[in-house]
Amino acid sequence: MKLEEVIAIVIDELGRIAPEIDAKQLDPDAELREECDIDSMDFLNLVTALSERLKIEIPETDYPSLATLHQAAAYLAQKLDATA
């Protein structure tokens, strides 16, 4: 899966959790929790949704790898390559 596709999936799932966000205004290097004003439960819901949608395991120790849009996309793309 291409990085752009992974970014689109992260944005889509983020939009389900925080529908008020404007994806075009997101800073891809800003902390998602601050940028989107989501709390820890919303972040956990995002991680769970991404895990289910992409059918990959995301251990809690890897959550910091999902801090920004760019980091999340790179981490998820790497996990998807490893399972392919």
PDB file of N, CA and C in Angstrom:
ATOM      1  N   MET A   1       0.849  -1.174   0.000  1.00  0.00           N
ATOM      2  CA  MET A   1       0.000   0.000   0.000  1.00  0.00           C
ATOM      3  C   MET A   1       0.899   1.243   0.000  1.00  0.00           C
ATOM      4  N   LYS A   2       0.548   2.201  -0.818  1.00  0.00           N
ATOM      5  CA  LYS A   2       1.343   3.420  -0.928  1.00  0.00           C
ATOM      6  C   LYS A   2       1.130   4.310   0.287  1.00  0.00           C
ATOM      7  N   LEU A   3       2.146   5.108   0.571  1.00  0.00           N
ATOM      8  CA  LEU A   3       2.109   6.013   1.712  1.00  0.00           C
ATOM      9  C   LEU A   3       0.913   6.965   1.625  1.00  0.00           C
ATOM     10  N   GLU A   4       0.610   7.449   0.424  1.00  0.00           N
ATOM     11  CA  GLU A   4      -0.521   8.365   0.246  1.00  0.00           C
ATOM     12  C   GLU A   4      -1.838   7.689   0.630  1.00  0.00           C
ATOM     13  N   GLU A   5      -1.958   6.401   0.325  1.00  0.00           N
ATOM     14  CA  GLU A   5      -3.167   5.653   0.678  1.00  0.00           C
ATOM     15  C   GLU A   5      -3.279   5.499   2.194  1.00  0.00           C
ATOM     16  N   VAL A   6      -2.156   5.257   2.832  1.00  0.00           N
ATOM     17  CA  VAL A   6      -2.149   5.121   4.291  1.00  0.00           C
ATOM     18  C   VAL A   6      -2.525   6.454   4.939  1.00  0.00           C
ATOM     19  N   ILE A   7      -1.983   7.549   4.424  1.00  0.00           N
ATOM     20  CA  ILE A   7      -2.330   8.875   4.942  1.00  0.00           C
ATOM     21  C   ILE A   7      -3.831   9.114   4.805  1.00  0.00           C
ATOM     22  N   ALA A   8      -4.393   8.763   3.667  1.00  0.00           N
ATOM     23  CA  ALA A   8      -5.834   8.945   3.442  1.00  0.00           C
ATOM     24  C   ALA A   8      -6.656   8.121   4.437  1.00  0.00           C
ATOM     25  N   ILE A   9      -6.205   6.925   4.755  1.00  0.00           N
ATOM     26  CA  ILE A   9      -6.911   6.077   5.725  1.00  0.00           C
ATOM     27  C   ILE A   9      -6.837   6.692   7.114  1.00  0.00           C
ATOM     28  N   VAL A  10      -5.664   7.177   7.507  1.00  0.00           N
ATOM     29  CA  VAL A  10      -5.518   7.811   8.824  1.00  0.00           C
ATOM     30  C   VAL A  10      -6.436   9.029   8.912  1.00  0.00           C
ATOM     31  N   ILE A  11      -6.453   9.846   7.878  1.00  0.00           N
ATOM     32  CA  ILE A  11      -7.316  11.033   7.868  1.00  0.00           C
ATOM     33  C   ILE A  11      -8.788  10.636   7.919  1.00  0.00           C
ATOM     34  N   ASP A  12      -9.153   9.597   7.188  1.00  0.00           N
ATOM     35  CA  ASP A  12     -10.538   9.122   7.190  1.00  0.00           C
ATOM     36  C   ASP A  12     -10.959   8.673   8.587  1.00  0.00           C
ATOM     37  N   GLU A  13     -10.129   7.873   9.227  1.00  0.00           N
ATOM     38  CA  GLU A  13     -10.459   7.390  10.570  1.00  0.00           C
ATOM     39  C   GLU A  13     -10.441   8.534  11.586  1.00  0.00           C
ATOM     40  N   LEU A  14      -9.534   9.455  11.406  1.00  0.00           N
ATOM     41  CA  LEU A  14      -9.479  10.626  12.279  1.00  0.00           C
ATOM     42  C   LEU A  14     -10.758  11.448  12.137  1.00  0.00           C
ATOM     43  N   GLY A  15     -11.254  11.548  10.915  1.00  0.00           N
ATOM     44  CA  GLY A  15     -12.491  12.279  10.656  1.00  0.00           C
ATOM     45  C   GLY A  15     -13.702  11.635  11.294  1.00  0.00           C
ATOM     46  N   ARG A  16     -13.663  10.324  11.488  1.00  0.00           N
ATOM     47  CA  ARG A  16     -14.769   9.633  12.157  1.00  0.00           C
ATOM     48  C   ARG A  16     -14.763   9.940  13.662  1.00  0.00           C
ATOM     49  N   ILE A  17     -13.569  10.135  14.209  1.00  0.00           N
ATOM     50  CA  ILE A  17     -13.432  10.390  15.639  1.00  0.00           C
ATOM     51  C   ILE A  17     -13.610  11.867  15.952  1.00  0.00           C
ATOM     52  N   ALA A  18     -13.098  12.715  15.089  1.00  0.00           N
ATOM     53  CA  ALA A  18     -13.188  14.167  15.280  1.00  0.00           C
ATOM     54  C   ALA A  18     -13.711  14.790  13.985  1.00  0.00           C
ATOM     55  N   PRO A  19     -15.016  14.675  13.756  1.00  0.00           N
ATOM     56  CA  PRO A  19     -15.581  15.132  12.471  1.00  0.00           C
ATOM     57  C   PRO A  19     -15.410  16.617  12.191  1.00  0.00           C
ATOM     58  N   GLU A  20     -15.092  17.390  13.216  1.00  0.00           N
ATOM     59  CA  GLU A  20     -14.952  18.837  13.020  1.00  0.00           C
ATOM     60  C   GLU A  20     -13.607  19.234  12.419  1.00  0.00           C
ATOM     61  N   ILE A  21     -12.661  18.307  12.324  1.00  0.00           N
ATOM     62  CA  ILE A  21     -11.343  18.668  11.790  1.00  0.00           C
ATOM     63  C   ILE A  21     -11.405  18.878  10.286  1.00  0.00           C
ATOM     64  N   ASP A  22     -10.528  19.743   9.817  1.00  0.00           N
ATOM     65  CA  ASP A  22     -10.388  19.988   8.388  1.00  0.00           C
ATOM     66  C   ASP A  22      -9.063  19.370   7.960  1.00  0.00           C
ATOM     67  N   ALA A  23      -9.137  18.274   7.230  1.00  0.00           N
ATOM     68  CA  ALA A  23      -7.934  17.533   6.839  1.00  0.00           C
ATOM     69  C   ALA A  23      -6.946  18.407   6.075  1.00  0.00           C
ATOM     70  N   LYS A  24      -7.445  19.374   5.331  1.00  0.00           N
ATOM     71  CA  LYS A  24      -6.561  20.231   4.538  1.00  0.00           C
ATOM     72  C   LYS A  24      -5.737  21.170   5.431  1.00  0.00           C
ATOM     73  N   GLN A  25      -6.227  21.402   6.648  1.00  0.00           N
ATOM     74  CA  GLN A  25      -5.548  22.302   7.574  1.00  0.00           C
ATOM     75  C   GLN A  25      -4.581  21.586   8.510  1.00  0.00           C
ATOM     76  N   LEU A  26      -4.558  20.259   8.452  1.00  0.00           N
ATOM     77  CA  LEU A  26      -3.691  19.498   9.352  1.00  0.00           C
ATOM     78  C   LEU A  26      -2.222  19.706   9.022  1.00  0.00           C
ATOM     79  N   ASP A  27      -1.451  19.957  10.050  1.00  0.00           N
ATOM     80  CA  ASP A  27       0.001  20.003   9.915  1.00  0.00           C
ATOM     81  C   ASP A  27       0.475  18.558  10.074  1.00  0.00           C
ATOM     82  N   PRO A  28       1.036  17.959   9.031  1.00  0.00           N
ATOM     83  CA  PRO A  28       1.404  16.542   9.092  1.00  0.00           C
ATOM     84  C   PRO A  28       2.498  16.224  10.104  1.00  0.00           C
ATOM     85  N   ASP A  29       3.174  17.248  10.622  1.00  0.00           N
ATOM     86  CA  ASP A  29       4.236  17.026  11.599  1.00  0.00           C
ATOM     87  C   ASP A  29       3.850  17.475  13.009  1.00  0.00           C
ATOM     88  N   ALA A  30       2.611  17.889  13.182  1.00  0.00           N
ATOM     89  CA  ALA A  30       2.132  18.307  14.504  1.00  0.00           C
ATOM     90  C   ALA A  30       1.557  17.098  15.239  1.00  0.00           C
ATOM     91  N   GLU A  31       1.603  17.149  16.562  1.00  0.00           N
ATOM     92  CA  GLU A  31       1.031  16.089  17.382  1.00  0.00           C
ATOM     93  C   GLU A  31      -0.470  15.990  17.084  1.00  0.00           C
ATOM     94  N   LEU A  32      -0.926  14.807  16.707  1.00  0.00           N
ATOM     95  CA  LEU A  32      -2.333  14.626  16.353  1.00  0.00           C
ATOM     96  C   LEU A  32      -3.272  14.983  17.502  1.00  0.00           C
ATOM     97  N   ARG A  33      -2.899  14.589  18.703  1.00  0.00           N
ATOM     98  CA  ARG A  33      -3.783  14.844  19.845  1.00  0.00           C
ATOM     99  C   ARG A  33      -3.978  16.338  20.061  1.00  0.00           C
ATOM    100  N   GLU A  34      -2.930  17.122  19.892  1.00  0.00           N
ATOM    101  CA  GLU A  34      -3.043  18.572  20.057  1.00  0.00           C
ATOM    102  C   GLU A  34      -3.686  19.215  18.829  1.00  0.00           C
ATOM    103  N   GLU A  35      -3.237  18.818  17.674  1.00  0.00           N
ATOM    104  CA  GLU A  35      -3.714  19.400  16.414  1.00  0.00           C
ATOM    105  C   GLU A  35      -5.230  19.196  16.235  1.00  0.00           C
ATOM    106  N   CYS A  36      -5.697  18.015  16.613  1.00  0.00           N
ATOM    107  CA  CYS A  36      -7.109  17.673  16.419  1.00  0.00           C
ATOM    108  C   CYS A  36      -7.932  17.812  17.694  1.00  0.00           C
ATOM    109  N   ASP A  37      -7.269  18.215  18.766  1.00  0.00           N
ATOM    110  CA  ASP A  37      -7.924  18.394  20.054  1.00  0.00           C
ATOM    111  C   ASP A  37      -8.687  17.127  20.466  1.00  0.00           C
ATOM    112  N   ILE A  38      -7.965  15.996  20.444  1.00  0.00           N
ATOM    113  CA  ILE A  38      -8.564  14.741  20.871  1.00  0.00           C
ATOM    114  C   ILE A  38      -7.904  14.291  22.177  1.00  0.00           C
ATOM    115  N   ASP A  39      -8.686  13.638  23.012  1.00  0.00           N
ATOM    116  CA  ASP A  39      -8.153  13.167  24.285  1.00  0.00           C
ATOM    117  C   ASP A  39      -7.573  11.759  24.135  1.00  0.00           C
ATOM    118  N   SER A  40      -7.096  11.219  25.233  1.00  0.00           N
ATOM    119  CA  SER A  40      -6.438   9.912  25.172  1.00  0.00           C
ATOM    120  C   SER A  40      -7.398   8.806  24.756  1.00  0.00           C
ATOM    121  N   MET A  41      -8.669   8.893  25.136  1.00  0.00           N
ATOM    122  CA  MET A  41      -9.652   7.885  24.731  1.00  0.00           C
ATOM    123  C   MET A  41      -9.903   7.959  23.229  1.00  0.00           C
ATOM    124  N   ASP A  42     -10.006   9.169  22.693  1.00  0.00           N
ATOM    125  CA  ASP A  42     -10.178   9.324  21.247  1.00  0.00           C
ATOM    126  C   ASP A  42      -8.960   8.777  20.499  1.00  0.00           C
ATOM    127  N   PHE A  43      -7.772   9.027  21.040  1.00  0.00           N
ATOM    128  CA  PHE A  43      -6.557   8.521  20.407  1.00  0.00           C
ATOM    129  C   PHE A  43      -6.558   6.993  20.415  1.00  0.00           C
ATOM    130  N   LEU A  44      -6.969   6.412  21.529  1.00  0.00           N
ATOM    131  CA  LEU A  44      -7.064   4.954  21.607  1.00  0.00           C
ATOM    132  C   LEU A  44      -8.082   4.433  20.606  1.00  0.00           C
ATOM    133  N   ASN A  45      -9.200   5.118  20.463  1.00  0.00           N
ATOM    134  CA  ASN A  45     -10.208   4.731  19.469  1.00  0.00           C
ATOM    135  C   ASN A  45      -9.634   4.811  18.054  1.00  0.00           C
ATOM    136  N   LEU A  46      -8.810   5.813  17.802  1.00  0.00           N
ATOM    137  CA  LEU A  46      -8.167   5.946  16.486  1.00  0.00           C
ATOM    138  C   LEU A  46      -7.235   4.765  16.231  1.00  0.00           C
ATOM    139  N   VAL A  47      -6.415   4.440  17.214  1.00  0.00           N
ATOM    140  CA  VAL A  47      -5.473   3.325  17.065  1.00  0.00           C
ATOM    141  C   VAL A  47      -6.233   2.018  16.830  1.00  0.00           C
ATOM    142  N   THR A  48      -7.294   1.813  17.585  1.00  0.00           N
ATOM    143  CA  THR A  48      -8.103   0.599  17.435  1.00  0.00           C
ATOM    144  C   THR A  48      -8.744   0.541  16.048  1.00  0.00           C
ATOM    145  N   ALA A  49      -9.271   1.659  15.594  1.00  0.00           N
ATOM    146  CA  ALA A  49      -9.902   1.706  14.270  1.00  0.00           C
ATOM    147  C   ALA A  49      -8.889   1.415  13.167  1.00  0.00           C
ATOM    148  N   LEU A  50      -7.692   1.984  13.292  1.00  0.00           N
ATOM    149  CA  LEU A  50      -6.650   1.741  12.283  1.00  0.00           C
ATOM    150  C   LEU A  50      -6.219   0.278  12.305  1.00  0.00           C
ATOM    151  N   SER A  51      -6.079  -0.273  13.483  1.00  0.00           N
ATOM    152  CA  SER A  51      -5.690  -1.676  13.623  1.00  0.00           C
ATOM    153  C   SER A  51      -6.714  -2.594  12.963  1.00  0.00           C
ATOM    154  N   GLU A  52      -7.985  -2.331  13.226  1.00  0.00           N
ATOM    155  CA  GLU A  52      -9.050  -3.155  12.648  1.00  0.00           C
ATOM    156  C   GLU A  52      -9.152  -2.962  11.138  1.00  0.00           C
ATOM    157  N   ARG A  53      -9.089  -1.737  10.702  1.00  0.00           N
ATOM    158  CA  ARG A  53      -9.251  -1.459   9.264  1.00  0.00           C
ATOM    159  C   ARG A  53      -8.100  -2.036   8.441  1.00  0.00           C
ATOM    160  N   LEU A  54      -6.891  -1.918   8.973  1.00  0.00           N
ATOM    161  CA  LEU A  54      -5.714  -2.383   8.236  1.00  0.00           C
ATOM    162  C   LEU A  54      -5.340  -3.827   8.567  1.00  0.00           C
ATOM    163  N   LYS A  55      -6.042  -4.390   9.554  1.00  0.00           N
ATOM    164  CA  LYS A  55      -5.815  -5.781   9.961  1.00  0.00           C
ATOM    165  C   LYS A  55      -4.367  -6.025  10.392  1.00  0.00           C
ATOM    166  N   ILE A  56      -3.895  -5.125  11.253  1.00  0.00           N
ATOM    167  CA  ILE A  56      -2.540  -5.253  11.810  1.00  0.00           C
ATOM    168  C   ILE A  56      -2.594  -5.057  13.312  1.00  0.00           C
ATOM    169  N   GLU A  57      -1.617  -5.626  13.990  1.00  0.00           N
ATOM    170  CA  GLU A  57      -1.471  -5.422  15.429  1.00  0.00           C
ATOM    171  C   GLU A  57      -0.677  -4.141  15.669  1.00  0.00           C
ATOM    172  N   ILE A  58      -1.149  -3.334  16.596  1.00  0.00           N
ATOM    173  CA  ILE A  58      -0.414  -2.136  16.999  1.00  0.00           C
ATOM    174  C   ILE A  58      -0.245  -2.223  18.516  1.00  0.00           C
ATOM    175  N   PRO A  59       0.917  -2.703  18.956  1.00  0.00           N
ATOM    176  CA  PRO A  59       1.125  -2.820  20.399  1.00  0.00           C
ATOM    177  C   PRO A  59       1.190  -1.452  21.078  1.00  0.00           C
ATOM    178  N   GLU A  60       0.784  -1.417  22.332  1.00  0.00           N
ATOM    179  CA  GLU A  60       0.757  -0.155  23.075  1.00  0.00           C
ATOM    180  C   GLU A  60       2.130   0.515  23.113  1.00  0.00           C
ATOM    181  N   THR A  61       3.172  -0.267  23.103  1.00  0.00           N
ATOM    182  CA  THR A  61       4.529   0.300  23.135  1.00  0.00           C
ATOM    183  C   THR A  61       4.844   1.094  21.865  1.00  0.00           C
ATOM    184  N   ASP A  62       4.070   0.853  20.796  1.00  0.00           N
ATOM    185  CA  ASP A  62       4.290   1.563  19.531  1.00  0.00           C
ATOM    186  C   ASP A  62       3.416   2.813  19.381  1.00  0.00           C
ATOM    187  N   TYR A  63       2.550   3.095  20.324  1.00  0.00           N
ATOM    188  CA  TYR A  63       1.666   4.255  20.215  1.00  0.00           C
ATOM    189  C   TYR A  63       2.411   5.558  19.971  1.00  0.00           C
ATOM    190  N   PRO A  64       3.592   5.768  20.586  1.00  0.00           N
ATOM    191  CA  PRO A  64       4.320   7.011  20.291  1.00  0.00           C
ATOM    192  C   PRO A  64       4.698   7.149  18.812  1.00  0.00           C
ATOM    193  N   SER A  65       4.756   6.036  18.095  1.00  0.00           N
ATOM    194  CA  SER A  65       5.073   6.075  16.659  1.00  0.00           C
ATOM    195  C   SER A  65       3.914   6.621  15.839  1.00  0.00           C
ATOM    196  N   LEU A  66       2.779   6.830  16.481  1.00  0.00           N
ATOM    197  CA  LEU A  66       1.592   7.331  15.795  1.00  0.00           C
ATOM    198  C   LEU A  66       1.284   8.774  16.191  1.00  0.00           C
ATOM    199  N   ALA A  67       2.255   9.468  16.735  1.00  0.00           N
ATOM    200  CA  ALA A  67       2.034  10.800  17.299  1.00  0.00           C
ATOM    201  C   ALA A  67       1.612  11.843  16.270  1.00  0.00           C
ATOM    202  N   THR A  68       2.225  11.832  15.096  1.00  0.00           N
ATOM    203  CA  THR A  68       1.889  12.803  14.048  1.00  0.00           C
ATOM    204  C   THR A  68       1.344  12.063  12.829  1.00  0.00           C
ATOM    205  N   LEU A  69       0.758  12.792  11.931  1.00  0.00           N
ATOM    206  CA  LEU A  69       0.226  12.174  10.711  1.00  0.00           C
ATOM    207  C   LEU A  69       1.341  11.496   9.923  1.00  0.00           C
ATOM    208  N   HIS A  70       2.469  12.181   9.745  1.00  0.00           N
ATOM    209  CA  HIS A  70       3.592  11.588   9.009  1.00  0.00           C
ATOM    210  C   HIS A  70       4.150  10.361   9.711  1.00  0.00           C
ATOM    211  N   GLN A  71       4.325  10.450  11.029  1.00  0.00           N
ATOM    212  CA  GLN A  71       4.852   9.305  11.776  1.00  0.00           C
ATOM    213  C   GLN A  71       3.888   8.129  11.698  1.00  0.00           C
ATOM    214  N   ALA A  72       2.608   8.395  11.868  1.00  0.00           N
ATOM    215  CA  ALA A  72       1.606   7.328  11.827  1.00  0.00           C
ATOM    216  C   ALA A  72       1.598   6.649  10.463  1.00  0.00           C
ATOM    217  N   ALA A  73       1.609   7.444   9.407  1.00  0.00           N
ATOM    218  CA  ALA A  73       1.582   6.874   8.058  1.00  0.00           C
ATOM    219  C   ALA A  73       2.827   6.035   7.787  1.00  0.00           C
ATOM    220  N   ALA A  74       3.980   6.536   8.178  1.00  0.00           N
ATOM    221  CA  ALA A  74       5.228   5.789   7.968  1.00  0.00           C
ATOM    222  C   ALA A  74       5.220   4.488   8.766  1.00  0.00           C
ATOM    223  N   TYR A  75       4.780   4.554  10.018  1.00  0.00           N
ATOM    224  CA  TYR A  75       4.737   3.355  10.866  1.00  0.00           C
ATOM    225  C   TYR A  75       3.774   2.331  10.269  1.00  0.00           C
ATOM    226  N   LEU A  76       2.581   2.773   9.908  1.00  0.00           N
ATOM    227  CA  LEU A  76       1.565   1.849   9.376  1.00  0.00           C
ATOM    228  C   LEU A  76       2.004   1.252   8.040  1.00  0.00           C
ATOM    229  N   ALA A  77       2.602   2.063   7.184  1.00  0.00           N
ATOM    230  CA  ALA A  77       3.084   1.556   5.888  1.00  0.00           C
ATOM    231  C   ALA A  77       4.157   0.486   6.115  1.00  0.00           C
ATOM    232  N   GLN A  78       5.026   0.718   7.068  1.00  0.00           N
ATOM    233  CA  GLN A  78       6.075  -0.260   7.383  1.00  0.00           C
ATOM    234  C   GLN A  78       5.447  -1.558   7.910  1.00  0.00           C
ATOM    235  N   LYS A  79       4.461  -1.454   8.796  1.00  0.00           N
ATOM    236  CA  LYS A  79       3.783  -2.633   9.331  1.00  0.00           C
ATOM    237  C   LYS A  79       3.069  -3.402   8.218  1.00  0.00           C
ATOM    238  N   LEU A  80       2.455  -2.664   7.292  1.00  0.00           N
ATOM    239  CA  LEU A  80       1.756  -3.315   6.189  1.00  0.00           C
ATOM    240  C   LEU A  80       2.722  -4.038   5.261  1.00  0.00           C
ATOM    241  N   ASP A  81       3.898  -3.451   5.023  1.00  0.00           N
ATOM    242  CA  ASP A  81       4.918  -4.107   4.200  1.00  0.00           C
ATOM    243  C   ASP A  81       5.413  -5.372   4.867  1.00  0.00           C
ATOM    244  N   ALA A  82       5.532  -5.331   6.187  1.00  0.00           N
ATOM    245  CA  ALA A  82       6.039  -6.479   6.933  1.00  0.00           C
ATOM    246  C   ALA A  82       5.059  -7.646   6.922  1.00  0.00           C
ATOM    247  N   THR A  83       3.761  -7.336   6.791  1.00  0.00           N
ATOM    248  CA  THR A  83       2.746  -8.402   6.793  1.00  0.00           C
ATOM    249  C   THR A  83       2.423  -8.873   5.383  1.00  0.00           C
ATOM    250  N   ALA A  84       2.918  -8.181   4.384  1.00  0.00           N
ATOM    251  CA  ALA A  84       2.599  -8.559   2.998  1.00  0.00           C
ATOM    252  C   ALA A  84       3.399  -9.768   2.537  1.00  0.00           C
TER     253      ALA A  84
END
